[in-house]
Protein backbone atom coordinates (compact mmCIF):
# COMPACT_ATOMS: atom_id res chain seq x y z
CA MET A 1 0.09 0.31 0.05
CA LEU A 2 1.69 3.20 -1.35
CA VAL A 3 -0.76 5.92 0.86
CA SER A 4 -3.32 5.08 3.31
CA VAL A 5 -5.77 7.71 4.41
CA ASP A 6 -7.96 6.40 7.37
CA ASN A 7 -10.75 8.49 8.99
CA VAL A 8 -8.99 12.02 8.32
CA SER A 9 -10.79 15.32 9.22
CA LEU A 10 -9.45 18.99 8.51
CA ARG A 11 -11.44 21.38 10.54
CA TYR A 12 -10.14 25.10 11.48
CA PRO A 13 -11.35 28.12 13.51
CA VAL A 14 -11.96 31.48 11.88
CA TYR A 15 -12.19 33.94 14.71
CA ASP A 16 -14.86 36.91 15.22
CA ALA A 17 -16.63 36.15 12.05
CA ALA A 18 -19.96 35.06 12.91
CA ALA A 19 -21.17 38.48 13.78
CA GLN A 20 -19.90 39.70 9.89
CA SER A 21 -22.07 37.99 7.77
CA PHE A 22 -20.55 39.36 4.58
CA ARG A 23 -17.38 37.70 5.94
CA HIS A 24 -19.42 34.54 6.79
CA ARG A 25 -20.39 34.51 3.66
CA LEU A 26 -16.96 35.05 1.96
CA VAL A 27 -15.44 32.38 3.71
CA LYS A 28 -18.12 29.56 2.96
CA HIS A 29 -17.70 30.69 -0.80
CA ALA A 30 -14.05 30.61 -0.42
CA THR A 31 -13.60 27.40 1.35
CA GLY A 32 -16.11 25.07 -0.24
CA GLY A 33 -16.47 23.09 3.10
CA ARG A 34 -18.92 23.23 5.60
CA VAL A 35 -19.04 26.18 8.07
CA ASN A 36 -20.28 26.32 11.68
CA VAL A 37 -21.12 28.73 13.84
CA GLU A 38 -20.21 28.53 17.67
CA GLY A 39 -20.74 31.65 19.74
CA SER A 40 -18.36 34.44 18.00
CA ARG A 41 -16.18 31.76 16.37
CA VAL A 42 -16.98 30.49 12.64
CA LYS A 43 -15.64 26.85 12.08
CA VAL A 44 -14.62 25.41 8.71
CA ASP A 45 -14.72 21.79 8.11
CA ALA A 46 -12.31 21.39 5.08
CA LEU A 47 -12.30 17.60 5.18
CA ARG A 48 -15.03 15.23 6.77
CA ASP A 49 -13.62 11.59 7.42
CA LEU A 50 -12.27 10.76 4.81
CA SER A 51 -10.71 7.01 4.24
CA PHE A 52 -9.02 5.43 1.11
CA THR A 53 -6.07 3.59 -0.24
CA MET A 54 -3.56 4.05 -3.01
CA GLN A 55 -1.67 0.86 -4.32
CA GLU A 56 1.61 1.05 -6.35
CA GLY A 57 0.78 1.91 -9.74
CA ASP A 58 -2.17 4.06 -9.21
CA ARG A 59 -2.93 7.25 -11.08
CA VAL A 60 -5.73 9.29 -8.94
CA ALA A 61 -7.81 12.20 -11.07
CA LEU A 62 -8.97 14.09 -8.35
CA MET A 63 -12.71 15.51 -9.31
CA GLY A 64 -14.83 18.05 -7.42
CA ALA A 65 -16.00 21.72 -8.01
CA ASN A 66 -13.86 24.48 -7.11
CA GLY A 67 -13.76 24.74 -3.21
CA ALA A 68 -14.47 21.37 -3.06
CA GLY A 69 -11.27 20.34 -0.86
CA LYS A 70 -9.22 18.92 -3.56
CA SER A 71 -6.19 21.31 -2.99
CA THR A 72 -6.64 20.63 0.99
CA LEU A 73 -6.57 16.90 0.42
CA LEU A 74 -3.44 17.20 -1.74
CA ARG A 75 -1.44 19.11 1.11
CA VAL A 76 -2.98 17.16 3.89
CA LEU A 77 -0.97 14.08 1.83
CA ALA A 78 1.90 16.24 1.24
CA GLY A 79 2.40 16.91 4.99
CA VAL A 80 1.56 20.59 4.86
CA TYR A 81 -1.86 20.23 6.95
CA PRO A 82 -1.91 18.26 9.81
CA PRO A 83 -5.25 16.44 10.06
CA SER A 84 -7.77 17.27 12.81
CA GLU A 85 -8.61 13.67 12.92
CA GLY A 86 -7.50 10.55 11.88
CA THR A 87 -3.88 9.13 9.81
CA VAL A 88 -2.13 9.77 6.74
CA THR A 89 0.80 7.13 6.02
CA VAL A 90 2.69 7.69 3.05
CA SER A 91 5.40 5.09 2.06
CA GLY A 92 8.22 6.56 -0.03
CA ARG A 93 9.55 10.01 -1.20
CA VAL A 94 6.85 12.97 -1.72
CA SER A 95 7.20 15.37 -4.51
CA THR A 96 4.59 18.22 -4.87
CA MET A 97 3.95 20.65 -7.63
CA PHE A 98 1.66 23.50 -5.77
CA ASP A 99 3.59 26.39 -5.90
CA ILE A 100 6.84 25.66 -7.94
CA SER A 101 8.52 29.13 -7.41
CA LEU A 102 8.28 29.00 -3.77
CA GLY A 103 12.13 29.68 -2.30
CA MET A 104 13.23 31.47 -5.28
CA ASP A 105 15.44 34.63 -4.74
CA SER A 106 14.78 37.53 -6.59
CA GLU A 107 18.54 38.90 -6.07
CA ALA A 108 20.38 35.86 -7.38
CA THR A 109 20.76 34.58 -10.80
CA GLY A 110 19.04 31.90 -12.64
CA TRP A 111 22.49 29.87 -11.87
CA GLU A 112 22.39 30.47 -7.63
CA ASN A 113 18.84 29.81 -8.06
CA ILE A 114 19.06 26.33 -9.54
CA LYS A 115 21.24 25.21 -6.50
CA LEU A 116 19.09 27.33 -3.95
CA CYS A 117 15.68 25.64 -4.87
CA GLY A 118 17.19 22.26 -5.74
CA LEU A 119 18.34 22.20 -2.25
CA LEU A 120 14.83 22.92 -0.96
CA TRP A 121 13.09 20.50 -3.48
CA GLY A 122 15.44 17.56 -1.66
CA LEU A 123 18.28 17.53 -4.14
CA SER A 124 21.99 17.12 -2.52
CA LEU A 125 24.71 19.63 -3.68
CA GLU A 126 25.98 17.01 -6.04
CA GLU A 127 22.69 16.79 -7.61
CA CYS A 128 22.26 20.43 -8.10
CA ASP A 129 25.64 20.29 -9.94
CA GLN A 130 25.04 17.30 -11.62
CA HIS A 131 21.67 18.38 -13.20
CA ALA A 132 22.34 21.99 -13.27
CA GLN A 133 22.74 22.03 -17.08
CA SER A 134 20.05 19.89 -17.84
CA ILE A 135 17.72 22.30 -15.85
CA ALA A 136 19.20 25.43 -17.84
CA ASP A 137 18.81 23.24 -21.23
CA PHE A 138 15.10 22.37 -20.48
CA SER A 139 14.20 26.09 -19.08
CA GLU A 140 15.87 27.45 -22.42
CA LEU A 141 16.90 30.89 -20.46
CA GLY A 142 20.13 30.90 -22.08
CA GLU A 143 22.23 33.83 -21.37
CA TYR A 144 19.39 35.34 -19.02
CA LEU A 145 20.55 32.38 -16.01
CA SER A 146 23.62 34.82 -15.36
CA MET A 147 21.46 37.34 -14.74
CA PRO A 148 19.32 38.08 -11.19
CA ILE A 149 15.81 36.77 -11.76
CA ARG A 150 14.23 39.98 -10.40
CA THR A 151 14.77 41.01 -14.30
CA TYR A 152 12.78 37.92 -15.63
CA SER A 153 9.50 38.08 -16.81
CA ALA A 154 6.77 35.92 -14.63
CA GLY A 155 6.61 33.36 -17.21
CA MET A 156 10.61 33.27 -17.36
CA ARG A 157 10.31 32.50 -13.42
CA LEU A 158 7.99 30.00 -13.81
CA ARG A 159 10.30 28.00 -16.77
CA LEU A 160 12.93 27.98 -14.48
CA ALA A 161 10.80 26.94 -11.30
CA PHE A 162 9.30 24.08 -13.42
CA ALA A 163 12.55 22.77 -14.80
CA ILE A 164 14.09 22.56 -11.32
CA ALA A 165 10.84 21.48 -9.59
CA THR A 166 10.63 18.17 -12.07
CA THR A 167 14.09 17.00 -12.03
CA ARG A 168 13.68 14.40 -9.62
CA VAL A 169 10.97 11.65 -10.21
CA PRO A 170 9.49 10.80 -6.81
CA ASP A 171 7.79 7.73 -5.24
CA VAL A 172 4.47 9.83 -4.91
CA PHE A 173 3.61 12.87 -7.08
CA LEU A 174 0.83 15.14 -5.94
CA VAL A 175 -0.12 18.10 -8.66
CA ASP A 176 -2.54 20.45 -8.16
CA GLU A 177 -3.36 22.07 -11.30
CA VAL A 178 -1.14 21.96 -14.46
CA ILE A 179 0.27 25.71 -14.57
CA GLY A 180 0.79 27.58 -17.86
CA VAL A 181 4.66 28.31 -18.23
CA GLY A 182 5.15 29.92 -21.30
CA ASP A 183 4.35 29.74 -24.91
CA THR A 184 2.80 26.98 -26.94
CA SER A 185 5.92 24.88 -27.70
CA PHE A 186 7.20 25.07 -23.94
CA PHE A 187 3.90 24.53 -22.58
CA GLN A 188 3.84 21.06 -24.60
CA LYS A 189 7.29 20.53 -23.44
CA ALA A 190 6.04 20.78 -20.38
CA ASN A 191 3.23 18.41 -20.44
CA ALA A 192 5.59 15.56 -22.04
CA ARG A 193 7.70 16.10 -18.64
CA LEU A 194 4.81 15.81 -16.01
CA SER A 195 3.44 13.04 -18.06
CA GLU A 196 6.83 11.31 -17.83
CA MET A 197 7.00 11.68 -14.38
CA ALA A 198 3.37 10.62 -13.92
CA SER A 199 4.32 7.09 -15.68
CA SER A 200 7.85 7.11 -13.63
CA ALA A 201 6.30 7.43 -10.38
CA ARG A 202 5.13 4.85 -8.17
CA GLY A 203 1.93 6.81 -7.43
CA LEU A 204 -0.06 10.04 -8.50
CA MET A 205 -2.76 12.11 -7.44
CA ILE A 206 -3.50 15.11 -9.51
CA ALA A 207 -6.10 17.84 -9.98
CA LEU A 208 -6.83 19.03 -13.64
CA HIS A 209 -10.28 20.49 -14.65
CA SER A 210 -9.88 18.60 -18.12
CA GLU A 211 -11.59 15.31 -18.05
CA GLU A 212 -9.75 14.79 -21.59
CA ALA A 213 -6.49 15.19 -19.31
CA GLN A 214 -7.56 13.02 -16.74
CA ARG A 215 -8.30 10.03 -18.77
CA ARG A 216 -5.29 10.53 -20.59
CA ILE A 217 -3.22 10.26 -17.27
CA CYS A 218 -5.47 8.15 -14.53
CA ASN A 219 -6.67 5.03 -14.30
CA LYS A 220 -8.47 5.98 -10.87
CA GLY A 221 -11.19 8.97 -9.79
CA LEU A 222 -11.64 10.29 -6.61
CA TRP A 223 -14.32 12.51 -6.38
CA ILE A 224 -14.74 15.03 -3.36
CA ASP A 225 -17.36 17.85 -2.50
CA HIS A 226 -17.38 20.14 0.66
CA GLY A 227 -14.63 18.01 2.07
CA GLN A 228 -16.54 14.73 1.69
CA LEU A 229 -15.56 11.52 -0.12
CA MET A 230 -18.70 10.59 -2.70
CA ALA A 231 -16.57 8.17 -4.69
CA TYR A 232 -13.17 6.60 -5.30
CA GLY A 233 -12.80 3.83 -8.07
CA PRO A 234 -11.84 3.09 -11.25
CA PHE A 235 -11.50 6.31 -13.54
CA ASP A 236 -14.80 5.73 -15.81
CA GLU A 237 -17.26 4.82 -13.45
CA VAL A 238 -16.12 7.82 -10.86
CA ALA A 239 -16.14 10.51 -14.01
CA ALA A 240 -19.51 9.26 -15.24
CA GLN A 241 -21.12 9.64 -11.76
CA TYR A 242 -19.22 13.46 -11.23
CA ARG A 243 -20.63 13.79 -14.86
CA GLY A 244 -24.13 13.23 -14.01
CA HIS A 245 -23.84 15.38 -10.77
CA VAL A 246 -22.51 17.95 -12.49
CA SER A 247 -25.18 17.76 -15.11
CA ASN A 248 -27.99 17.71 -12.65
CA GLY A 249 -26.88 21.14 -11.69
CA THR A 250 -25.49 20.10 -8.35
CA ALA A 251 -22.03 20.20 -8.51
CA GLY A 252 -21.91 24.27 -7.90
């Protein structure tokens, strides 16, 4: 068993919000979780009693409306958020693709950021040196790598960050949406690398809006709604259930 999620719930309080109805509505809309009021405290149930397992070779597509809890679940699996209740067990090395530009130093050059961010992504100094040229080649930034990245456009920064983040193939790969990282040619290359990583990792869980992209990559689906597990199993079965849910106008 690669990943085990056993009766996991995540809730957090939002203080002094009950008396402010606008903030209450905003919190509910933004989180997608169930919002409960206790005196002057609003409590958001972001995840509620989730249980499932991932086996070696599983490629799981996360399905659900915006705010359903998909990103929250990925962050719980990554250890970013500790669950309020229940346990999460992951076998092997986890790599995430959430905020891939996290940790970049604007005053450092591209080459310096390859080493800095490589270390943050879990590479050793030796591995940073070993992969530096291949990262540079993939980013297609050329001489810009000798310049401080504050001189880069947003797209250039993302290209460098993506090249660094996808250097190492993990055991468990968690992806929260595929990010546009440049022109059409580079975007296609980035997606090809993501597909390669997905195939090489022992397990994958990915949140994508495109069912076509999900079907191309994944063999299982996990549908979550308002932090609650609605269905988990073979991709086509779960996709059909979720599609029917959306068609009935109940997914918003």
